Protein backbone atom coordinates (compact mmCIF):
# COMPACT_ATOMS: atom_id res chain seq x y z
CA UNK A 1 51.52 -23.86 5.20
CA UNK A 2 49.26 -22.52 3.07
CA UNK A 3 45.93 -23.51 3.23
CA UNK A 4 46.07 -26.07 0.51
CA UNK A 5 48.25 -27.93 1.86
CA UNK A 6 46.84 -27.83 5.47
CA UNK A 7 45.85 -30.86 7.41
CA UNK A 8 41.88 -31.19 8.13
CA UNK A 9 42.02 -32.74 11.03
CA UNK A 10 43.30 -29.72 13.32
CA UNK A 11 39.86 -27.83 12.14
CA UNK A 12 37.97 -30.11 14.59
CA UNK A 13 39.25 -28.85 18.03
CA UNK A 14 39.51 -25.92 16.81
CA UNK A 15 35.73 -25.65 16.37
CA UNK A 16 34.65 -27.48 19.45
CA UNK A 17 36.73 -24.64 21.22
CA UNK A 18 34.80 -21.92 19.23
CA UNK A 19 32.19 -22.64 16.67
CA UNK A 20 33.94 -20.90 13.38
CA UNK A 21 37.36 -21.40 14.57
CA UNK A 22 37.52 -24.66 12.23
CA UNK A 23 36.06 -22.59 9.17
CA UNK A 24 38.38 -20.03 9.42
CA UNK A 25 41.61 -22.62 9.38
CA UNK A 26 40.23 -24.21 6.61
CA UNK A 27 40.23 -20.60 4.65
CA UNK A 28 36.30 -20.06 4.65
CA UNK A 29 36.38 -17.17 6.97
CA UNK A 30 32.59 -16.31 5.12
CA UNK A 31 31.47 -19.45 6.93
CA UNK A 32 33.55 -19.10 9.78
CA UNK A 33 31.85 -15.84 10.74
CA UNK A 34 28.93 -17.00 10.33
CA UNK A 35 28.91 -19.82 12.75
CA UNK A 36 30.89 -17.55 15.04
CA UNK A 37 28.09 -14.69 14.81
CA UNK A 38 25.17 -17.54 15.30
CA UNK A 39 27.42 -18.81 18.37
CA UNK A 40 27.79 -15.58 19.45
CA UNK A 41 23.59 -15.12 19.45
CA UNK A 42 23.11 -18.59 21.26
CA UNK A 43 25.52 -17.11 23.87
CA UNK A 44 23.76 -13.82 24.33
CA UNK A 45 20.83 -16.03 24.64
CA UNK A 46 21.94 -17.64 27.42
CA UNK A 47 23.49 -15.26 28.97
CA UNK A 48 20.01 -12.76 28.78
CA UNK A 49 17.63 -15.97 30.16
CA UNK A 50 20.70 -16.84 33.01
CA UNK A 51 21.12 -13.32 34.10
CA UNK A 52 17.44 -12.13 34.44
CA UNK A 53 17.27 -14.25 37.51
CA UNK A 54 20.66 -13.32 38.86
CA UNK A 55 19.47 -9.56 38.70
CA UNK A 56 16.60 -10.30 41.63
CA UNK A 57 16.83 -7.46 44.23
CA UNK A 58 18.38 -7.92 47.43
CA UNK A 59 21.08 -10.64 45.80
CA UNK A 60 24.91 -10.22 45.14
CA UNK A 61 24.71 -9.96 41.26
CA UNK A 62 28.54 -12.08 41.35
CA UNK A 63 28.30 -14.72 43.80
CA UNK A 64 23.96 -14.98 42.16
CA UNK A 65 25.81 -15.53 38.65
CA UNK A 66 28.58 -17.86 39.44
CA UNK A 67 26.04 -20.51 40.73
CA UNK A 68 25.76 -23.12 38.02
CA UNK A 69 22.19 -25.08 39.52
CA UNK A 70 20.68 -21.85 37.93
CA UNK A 71 21.71 -22.62 34.31
CA UNK A 72 19.16 -25.25 33.26
CA UNK A 73 19.83 -27.53 30.30
CA UNK A 74 17.43 -26.12 27.76
CA UNK A 75 19.32 -22.67 28.52
CA UNK A 76 22.92 -24.55 27.61
CA UNK A 77 21.14 -26.68 24.44
CA UNK A 78 20.97 -23.97 22.16
CA UNK A 79 24.96 -22.96 22.36
CA UNK A 80 25.69 -26.85 22.48
CA UNK A 81 23.40 -27.96 19.33
CA UNK A 82 25.32 -24.69 17.46
CA UNK A 83 28.66 -26.29 18.40
CA UNK A 84 27.14 -29.89 17.33
CA UNK A 85 26.06 -28.56 14.18
CA UNK A 86 29.45 -26.59 13.45
CA UNK A 87 31.66 -29.66 13.75
CA UNK A 88 29.50 -31.76 11.59
CA UNK A 89 29.50 -28.76 8.86
CA UNK A 90 33.01 -29.11 9.59
CA UNK A 91 33.10 -32.48 8.84
CA UNK A 92 31.62 -32.27 5.80
CA UNK A 93 33.11 -29.47 4.50
CA UNK A 94 36.92 -31.29 4.66
CA UNK A 95 34.67 -34.85 3.13
CA UNK A 96 34.39 -32.44 -0.09
CA UNK A 97 38.09 -31.40 0.07
CA UNK A 98 39.26 -34.67 0.81
CA UNK A 99 36.88 -36.17 -2.20
CA UNK A 100 38.03 -33.16 -4.78
CA UNK A 101 41.94 -33.76 -4.07
CA UNK A 102 41.36 -37.40 -4.79
CA UNK A 103 39.37 -37.41 -7.85
CA UNK A 104 41.48 -34.36 -9.28
CA UNK A 105 44.99 -35.25 -7.88
CA UNK A 106 45.49 -32.14 -6.82
CA UNK A 107 44.25 -29.97 -3.94
CA UNK A 108 41.15 -27.73 -4.07
CA UNK A 109 41.08 -23.96 -3.38
């Protein structure tokens, strides 16, 4: 199946799984790479804040890093917000593509 005949709905779960993957499925590689990069930066920010508390002297790293009570809501909010806005962007891209197909009668590039 070419990207012109692909259904749009699989882009939503792909974007929920990994930000930017739905855009790549729809053929928008640069946009997908941008969302993925932003998602990786948000996760790196989360990891840096979480792991900074895990590296206290005298505490085993593996046990401390796996304790989820050390992760606060504000640490998770940034990556979650990136995924939600990415899902909204995939929806808008799909809506635009649907409108162009409806008005022209042909698939959009």
